Amino acid sequence: MKCLIDTNVILDVLLKREPFYNDSASVLTLSGQEDITLYVTASSITDIYYIAYQTLRNKEKVKQMLRKLLKIVLIAGVSGDEIRNALALPWQDFEDSVQYSVALLQEMDGIVTRNPSDYKKAEMKIWKPEEFLLLWQ
């Protein structure tokens, strides 16, 4: 199974945001197990860096966190095809459109997000972290 992990789930783990940390961290521990491959978009990496730096104010610590993250998730590229698809979607949030377009065009099985309402028009599975974990218990 190939799943895209939304930016908010990654930030919950890196910044230990409660009450979301435990479920989000548990999702990441599934990477590589039972034929699960987790992805984060290349565009999310820059967003994650920016938001984590705004919180932590320590560039080296943020870079170290990202290096650890990239040991357990793969980076899904964002090409012109994904951007064009995102621009064609009638969604309110462009970032969500890009995330969805990457998952769709790269034939992923779904997206794990804390905000499934952002993807209500999606034509693939959308799970909250706790829902995704139930699939593997």
N, C-alpha and C. Protein backbone atom coordinates (compact mmCIF):
# COMPACT_ATOMS: atom_id res chain seq x y z
N MET A 1 0.84 -1.18 0.00
CA MET A 1 0.00 0.00 0.00
C MET A 1 0.89 1.24 0.00
N LYS A 2 0.54 2.17 -0.87
CA LYS A 2 1.24 3.44 -0.96
C LYS A 2 0.32 4.54 -0.43
N CYS A 3 0.79 5.28 0.58
CA CYS A 3 -0.03 6.33 1.17
C CYS A 3 0.75 7.63 1.29
N LEU A 4 0.05 8.70 1.01
CA LEU A 4 0.61 10.04 1.19
C LEU A 4 0.28 10.50 2.60
N ILE A 5 1.27 11.02 3.28
CA ILE A 5 1.06 11.56 4.63
C ILE A 5 0.99 13.07 4.50
N ASP A 6 -0.11 13.63 4.95
CA ASP A 6 -0.34 15.07 4.83
C ASP A 6 0.59 15.84 5.77
N THR A 7 0.84 17.07 5.41
CA THR A 7 1.74 17.94 6.15
C THR A 7 1.38 18.02 7.63
N ASN A 8 0.10 18.12 7.94
CA ASN A 8 -0.30 18.30 9.34
C ASN A 8 0.08 17.09 10.19
N VAL A 9 0.05 15.90 9.64
CA VAL A 9 0.42 14.70 10.39
C VAL A 9 1.91 14.71 10.70
N ILE A 10 2.72 15.10 9.73
CA ILE A 10 4.16 15.18 9.94
C ILE A 10 4.48 16.23 11.00
N LEU A 11 3.84 17.38 10.91
CA LEU A 11 4.09 18.43 11.90
C LEU A 11 3.66 18.02 13.30
N ASP A 12 2.58 17.24 13.38
CA ASP A 12 2.15 16.75 14.70
C ASP A 12 3.26 15.93 15.35
N VAL A 13 3.97 15.16 14.54
CA VAL A 13 5.05 14.33 15.08
C VAL A 13 6.28 15.17 15.39
N LEU A 14 6.74 15.93 14.42
CA LEU A 14 7.98 16.69 14.61
C LEU A 14 7.89 17.71 15.75
N LEU A 15 6.72 18.31 15.90
CA LEU A 15 6.54 19.33 16.94
C LEU A 15 5.85 18.78 18.18
N LYS A 16 5.61 17.48 18.18
CA LYS A 16 4.97 16.79 19.32
C LYS A 16 3.69 17.52 19.75
N ARG A 17 2.85 17.79 18.77
CA ARG A 17 1.60 18.51 19.04
C ARG A 17 0.58 17.56 19.63
N GLU A 18 0.11 17.90 20.80
CA GLU A 18 -0.92 17.12 21.48
C GLU A 18 -2.29 17.70 21.14
N PRO A 19 -3.29 16.89 21.10
CA PRO A 19 -3.38 15.46 21.42
C PRO A 19 -3.14 14.55 20.22
N PHE A 20 -2.50 15.07 19.18
CA PHE A 20 -2.38 14.34 17.92
C PHE A 20 -1.10 13.52 17.79
N TYR A 21 -0.13 13.80 18.64
CA TYR A 21 1.21 13.21 18.49
C TYR A 21 1.20 11.68 18.43
N ASN A 22 0.58 11.02 19.38
CA ASN A 22 0.69 9.56 19.48
C ASN A 22 0.18 8.83 18.24
N ASP A 23 -1.01 9.17 17.78
CA ASP A 23 -1.55 8.50 16.59
C ASP A 23 -0.71 8.80 15.36
N SER A 24 -0.30 10.05 15.20
CA SER A 24 0.50 10.42 14.04
C SER A 24 1.86 9.72 14.06
N ALA A 25 2.49 9.66 15.21
CA ALA A 25 3.78 8.97 15.33
C ALA A 25 3.61 7.48 15.04
N SER A 26 2.53 6.90 15.50
CA SER A 26 2.27 5.48 15.25
C SER A 26 2.09 5.19 13.76
N VAL A 27 1.48 6.12 13.04
CA VAL A 27 1.34 5.95 11.59
C VAL A 27 2.73 5.87 10.95
N LEU A 28 3.62 6.76 11.35
CA LEU A 28 4.95 6.76 10.75
C LEU A 28 5.73 5.49 11.05
N THR A 29 5.46 4.87 12.19
CA THR A 29 6.18 3.63 12.51
C THR A 29 5.77 2.47 11.60
N LEU A 30 4.67 2.62 10.88
CA LEU A 30 4.21 1.56 9.98
C LEU A 30 5.00 1.52 8.67
N SER A 31 5.74 2.58 8.39
CA SER A 31 6.45 2.66 7.12
C SER A 31 7.38 1.46 6.93
N GLY A 32 7.24 0.83 5.80
CA GLY A 32 8.08 -0.32 5.48
C GLY A 32 7.58 -1.63 6.04
N GLN A 33 6.57 -1.61 6.87
CA GLN A 33 6.01 -2.82 7.45
C GLN A 33 4.81 -3.26 6.63
N GLU A 34 4.60 -4.54 6.56
CA GLU A 34 3.40 -5.09 5.92
C GLU A 34 3.10 -4.44 4.56
N ASP A 35 4.13 -4.26 3.78
CA ASP A 35 3.97 -3.67 2.45
C ASP A 35 3.37 -2.27 2.47
N ILE A 36 3.73 -1.48 3.46
CA ILE A 36 3.27 -0.09 3.54
C ILE A 36 4.44 0.82 3.18
N THR A 37 4.20 1.69 2.21
CA THR A 37 5.18 2.70 1.86
C THR A 37 4.53 4.06 2.05
N LEU A 38 5.16 4.89 2.86
CA LEU A 38 4.62 6.21 3.16
C LEU A 38 5.40 7.27 2.40
N TYR A 39 4.68 8.25 1.91
CA TYR A 39 5.27 9.34 1.13
C TYR A 39 4.88 10.68 1.73
N VAL A 40 5.72 11.65 1.48
CA VAL A 40 5.42 13.05 1.75
C VAL A 40 5.81 13.79 0.48
N THR A 41 5.05 14.80 0.11
CA THR A 41 5.37 15.50 -1.13
C THR A 41 6.59 16.40 -0.94
N ALA A 42 7.30 16.61 -2.05
CA ALA A 42 8.46 17.50 -2.02
C ALA A 42 8.04 18.90 -1.58
N SER A 43 6.87 19.33 -2.02
CA SER A 43 6.41 20.66 -1.62
C SER A 43 6.09 20.74 -0.13
N SER A 44 5.68 19.63 0.45
CA SER A 44 5.41 19.61 1.90
C SER A 44 6.69 19.79 2.71
N ILE A 45 7.78 19.29 2.19
CA ILE A 45 9.05 19.40 2.93
C ILE A 45 9.38 20.87 3.19
N THR A 46 9.19 21.72 2.19
CA THR A 46 9.49 23.14 2.41
C THR A 46 8.51 23.76 3.40
N ASP A 47 7.24 23.36 3.32
CA ASP A 47 6.25 23.86 4.28
C ASP A 47 6.58 23.40 5.70
N ILE A 48 6.95 22.14 5.81
CA ILE A 48 7.29 21.56 7.12
C ILE A 48 8.50 22.29 7.71
N TYR A 49 9.51 22.51 6.88
CA TYR A 49 10.69 23.22 7.35
C TYR A 49 10.30 24.61 7.86
N TYR A 50 9.54 25.34 7.06
CA TYR A 50 9.16 26.70 7.43
C TYR A 50 8.38 26.74 8.75
N ILE A 51 7.37 25.90 8.87
CA ILE A 51 6.52 25.91 10.07
C ILE A 51 7.30 25.44 11.29
N ALA A 52 8.10 24.38 11.13
CA ALA A 52 8.89 23.89 12.26
C ALA A 52 9.90 24.94 12.70
N TYR A 53 10.51 25.63 11.74
CA TYR A 53 11.47 26.68 12.11
C TYR A 53 10.78 27.84 12.82
N GLN A 54 9.59 28.21 12.39
CA GLN A 54 8.86 29.28 13.06
C GLN A 54 8.57 28.93 14.51
N THR A 55 8.39 27.64 14.78
CA THR A 55 8.11 27.20 16.14
C THR A 55 9.38 27.04 16.96
N LEU A 56 10.39 26.39 16.38
CA LEU A 56 11.59 26.02 17.13
C LEU A 56 12.71 27.06 17.08
N ARG A 57 12.75 27.84 16.02
CA ARG A 57 13.79 28.87 15.84
C ARG A 57 15.21 28.30 15.93
N ASN A 58 15.37 27.10 15.36
CA ASN A 58 16.68 26.44 15.37
C ASN A 58 16.82 25.69 14.05
N LYS A 59 17.55 26.28 13.10
CA LYS A 59 17.66 25.69 11.77
C LYS A 59 18.28 24.29 11.80
N GLU A 60 19.32 24.11 12.57
CA GLU A 60 19.98 22.81 12.59
C GLU A 60 19.08 21.73 13.18
N LYS A 61 18.33 22.07 14.21
CA LYS A 61 17.40 21.10 14.80
C LYS A 61 16.32 20.70 13.79
N VAL A 62 15.80 21.66 13.06
CA VAL A 62 14.78 21.37 12.06
C VAL A 62 15.36 20.49 10.96
N LYS A 63 16.56 20.81 10.50
CA LYS A 63 17.20 19.99 9.46
C LYS A 63 17.44 18.57 9.97
N GLN A 64 17.84 18.43 11.21
CA GLN A 64 18.05 17.11 11.80
C GLN A 64 16.73 16.32 11.84
N MET A 65 15.65 16.99 12.20
CA MET A 65 14.34 16.34 12.23
C MET A 65 13.95 15.85 10.84
N LEU A 66 14.19 16.68 9.84
CA LEU A 66 13.86 16.30 8.47
C LEU A 66 14.71 15.13 7.99
N ARG A 67 15.98 15.12 8.36
CA ARG A 67 16.83 13.98 7.99
C ARG A 67 16.29 12.68 8.58
N LYS A 68 15.86 12.73 9.83
CA LYS A 68 15.28 11.54 10.46
C LYS A 68 13.99 11.13 9.77
N LEU A 69 13.16 12.11 9.45
CA LEU A 69 11.90 11.83 8.75
C LEU A 69 12.16 11.12 7.43
N LEU A 70 13.15 11.58 6.70
CA LEU A 70 13.42 11.04 5.37
C LEU A 70 14.04 9.64 5.41
N LYS A 71 14.33 9.16 6.59
CA LYS A 71 14.77 7.77 6.74
C LYS A 71 13.57 6.82 6.77
N ILE A 72 12.38 7.36 7.00
CA ILE A 72 11.20 6.49 7.12
C ILE A 72 10.10 6.77 6.10
N VAL A 73 10.17 7.91 5.42
CA VAL A 73 9.21 8.19 4.36
C VAL A 73 9.97 8.51 3.08
N LEU A 74 9.30 8.30 1.96
CA LEU A 74 9.87 8.65 0.67
C LEU A 74 9.31 9.99 0.22
N ILE A 75 10.04 10.67 -0.64
CA ILE A 75 9.57 11.95 -1.16
C ILE A 75 8.90 11.70 -2.51
N ALA A 76 7.67 12.17 -2.62
CA ALA A 76 6.93 12.12 -3.87
C ALA A 76 7.14 13.45 -4.59
N GLY A 77 7.65 13.38 -5.79
CA GLY A 77 7.91 14.59 -6.55
C GLY A 77 6.64 15.32 -6.95
N VAL A 78 6.80 16.60 -7.16
CA VAL A 78 5.71 17.44 -7.63
C VAL A 78 6.16 18.01 -8.97
N SER A 79 5.54 17.53 -10.03
CA SER A 79 5.92 17.97 -11.37
C SER A 79 4.85 18.89 -11.95
N GLY A 80 5.09 19.29 -13.16
CA GLY A 80 4.11 20.13 -13.84
C GLY A 80 2.76 19.45 -13.98
N ASP A 81 2.76 18.12 -14.16
CA ASP A 81 1.49 17.40 -14.29
C ASP A 81 0.65 17.54 -13.03
N GLU A 82 1.28 17.37 -11.88
CA GLU A 82 0.55 17.50 -10.62
C GLU A 82 0.04 18.93 -10.41
N ILE A 83 0.87 19.91 -10.76
CA ILE A 83 0.46 21.31 -10.59
C ILE A 83 -0.70 21.64 -11.54
N ARG A 84 -0.61 21.20 -12.79
CA ARG A 84 -1.70 21.46 -13.73
C ARG A 84 -3.00 20.79 -13.26
N ASN A 85 -2.89 19.57 -12.75
CA ASN A 85 -4.08 18.89 -12.25
C ASN A 85 -4.66 19.65 -11.06
N ALA A 86 -3.79 20.10 -10.16
CA ALA A 86 -4.24 20.85 -8.98
C ALA A 86 -4.93 22.14 -9.39
N LEU A 87 -4.41 22.81 -10.41
CA LEU A 87 -5.02 24.06 -10.88
C LEU A 87 -6.40 23.82 -11.49
N ALA A 88 -6.60 22.64 -12.04
CA ALA A 88 -7.89 22.32 -12.66
C ALA A 88 -8.96 21.92 -11.65
N LEU A 89 -8.56 21.59 -10.44
CA LEU A 89 -9.53 21.18 -9.43
C LEU A 89 -10.27 22.40 -8.88
N PRO A 90 -11.57 22.28 -8.61
CA PRO A 90 -12.34 23.41 -8.09
C PRO A 90 -12.27 23.52 -6.56
N TRP A 91 -11.16 23.11 -5.97
CA TRP A 91 -11.02 23.10 -4.52
C TRP A 91 -10.63 24.49 -4.02
N GLN A 92 -10.96 24.76 -2.78
CA GLN A 92 -10.65 26.05 -2.17
C GLN A 92 -9.17 26.22 -1.85
N ASP A 93 -8.54 25.15 -1.37
CA ASP A 93 -7.16 25.24 -0.90
C ASP A 93 -6.21 24.63 -1.92
N PHE A 94 -5.31 25.44 -2.44
CA PHE A 94 -4.40 24.97 -3.48
C PHE A 94 -3.42 23.93 -2.95
N GLU A 95 -2.93 24.11 -1.74
CA GLU A 95 -2.00 23.13 -1.17
C GLU A 95 -2.66 21.75 -1.10
N ASP A 96 -3.90 21.68 -0.66
CA ASP A 96 -4.62 20.40 -0.62
C ASP A 96 -4.80 19.84 -2.03
N SER A 97 -5.04 20.71 -2.99
CA SER A 97 -5.17 20.27 -4.38
C SER A 97 -3.88 19.64 -4.89
N VAL A 98 -2.75 20.23 -4.51
CA VAL A 98 -1.46 19.68 -4.92
C VAL A 98 -1.23 18.34 -4.25
N GLN A 99 -1.49 18.27 -2.94
CA GLN A 99 -1.30 17.01 -2.21
C GLN A 99 -2.14 15.90 -2.88
N TYR A 100 -3.39 16.20 -3.11
CA TYR A 100 -4.29 15.22 -3.73
C TYR A 100 -3.82 14.83 -5.13
N SER A 101 -3.41 15.81 -5.92
CA SER A 101 -2.97 15.52 -7.28
C SER A 101 -1.73 14.63 -7.29
N VAL A 102 -0.83 14.84 -6.37
CA VAL A 102 0.34 13.97 -6.27
C VAL A 102 -0.10 12.54 -5.96
N ALA A 103 -0.95 12.38 -4.97
CA ALA A 103 -1.42 11.04 -4.60
C ALA A 103 -2.18 10.39 -5.75
N LEU A 104 -3.01 11.15 -6.43
CA LEU A 104 -3.81 10.61 -7.52
C LEU A 104 -2.95 10.21 -8.72
N LEU A 105 -2.13 11.12 -9.19
CA LEU A 105 -1.34 10.86 -10.40
C LEU A 105 -0.21 9.86 -10.17
N GLN A 106 0.21 9.72 -8.92
CA GLN A 106 1.26 8.74 -8.62
C GLN A 106 0.66 7.43 -8.09
N GLU A 107 -0.64 7.30 -8.29
CA GLU A 107 -1.39 6.07 -8.02
C GLU A 107 -1.21 5.54 -6.60
N MET A 108 -1.38 6.45 -5.65
CA MET A 108 -1.33 6.05 -4.25
C MET A 108 -2.71 5.55 -3.83
N ASP A 109 -2.73 4.80 -2.75
CA ASP A 109 -3.98 4.21 -2.28
C ASP A 109 -4.82 5.17 -1.45
N GLY A 110 -4.20 6.21 -0.91
CA GLY A 110 -4.95 7.16 -0.11
C GLY A 110 -4.05 8.17 0.56
N ILE A 111 -4.68 9.02 1.36
CA ILE A 111 -4.00 10.08 2.08
C ILE A 111 -4.36 9.97 3.56
N VAL A 112 -3.34 10.10 4.41
CA VAL A 112 -3.56 10.15 5.85
C VAL A 112 -3.43 11.62 6.26
N THR A 113 -4.52 12.15 6.82
CA THR A 113 -4.56 13.56 7.20
C THR A 113 -5.36 13.73 8.47
N ARG A 114 -5.08 14.77 9.18
CA ARG A 114 -5.88 15.08 10.35
C ARG A 114 -7.14 15.85 9.94
N ASN A 115 -7.17 16.33 8.72
CA ASN A 115 -8.29 17.15 8.24
C ASN A 115 -8.94 16.52 7.02
N PRO A 116 -9.69 15.43 7.19
CA PRO A 116 -10.31 14.79 6.03
C PRO A 116 -11.31 15.69 5.29
N SER A 117 -11.86 16.68 5.96
CA SER A 117 -12.79 17.59 5.29
C SER A 117 -12.11 18.40 4.19
N ASP A 118 -10.78 18.51 4.25
CA ASP A 118 -10.05 19.20 3.19
C ASP A 118 -10.09 18.41 1.89
N TYR A 119 -10.42 17.13 1.98
CA TYR A 119 -10.39 16.24 0.82
C TYR A 119 -11.77 15.62 0.54
N LYS A 120 -12.83 16.34 0.86
CA LYS A 120 -14.17 15.75 0.73
C LYS A 120 -14.54 15.43 -0.71
N LYS A 121 -13.87 16.02 -1.69
CA LYS A 121 -14.16 15.73 -3.09
C LYS A 121 -13.17 14.70 -3.67
N ALA A 122 -12.38 14.11 -2.82
CA ALA A 122 -11.36 13.15 -3.28
C ALA A 122 -12.00 11.87 -3.79
N GLU A 123 -11.36 11.29 -4.77
CA GLU A 123 -11.80 10.01 -5.33
C GLU A 123 -10.83 8.91 -4.93
N MET A 124 -10.42 8.94 -3.69
CA MET A 124 -9.56 7.91 -3.11
C MET A 124 -9.81 7.88 -1.62
N LYS A 125 -9.25 6.91 -0.95
CA LYS A 125 -9.43 6.79 0.50
C LYS A 125 -8.71 7.93 1.22
N ILE A 126 -9.40 8.48 2.20
CA ILE A 126 -8.84 9.51 3.05
C ILE A 126 -9.04 9.04 4.49
N TRP A 127 -7.93 8.93 5.22
CA TRP A 127 -8.01 8.44 6.60
C TRP A 127 -7.46 9.47 7.57
N LYS A 128 -8.08 9.54 8.74
CA LYS A 128 -7.45 10.19 9.88
C LYS A 128 -6.39 9.22 10.39
N PRO A 129 -5.37 9.69 11.11
CA PRO A 129 -4.36 8.77 11.61
C PRO A 129 -4.93 7.59 12.40
N GLU A 130 -5.91 7.86 13.27
CA GLU A 130 -6.46 6.78 14.09
C GLU A 130 -7.22 5.76 13.23
N GLU A 131 -7.83 6.21 12.15
CA GLU A 131 -8.53 5.30 11.24
C GLU A 131 -7.53 4.44 10.47
N PHE A 132 -6.46 5.04 10.03
CA PHE A 132 -5.43 4.30 9.30
C PHE A 132 -4.80 3.23 10.19
N LEU A 133 -4.58 3.56 11.44
CA LEU A 133 -3.99 2.60 12.38
C LEU A 133 -4.91 1.38 12.57
N LEU A 134 -6.22 1.60 12.55
CA LEU A 134 -7.16 0.48 12.73
C LEU A 134 -7.03 -0.55 11.60
N LEU A 135 -6.60 -0.12 10.44
CA LEU A 135 -6.41 -1.06 9.33
C LEU A 135 -5.31 -2.08 9.60
N TRP A 136 -4.40 -1.75 10.50
CA TRP A 136 -3.20 -2.57 10.70
C TRP A 136 -3.14 -3.21 12.07
N GLN A 137 -4.24 -3.19 12.80
CA GLN A 137 -4.24 -3.82 14.12
C GLN A 137 -4.73 -5.25 14.02
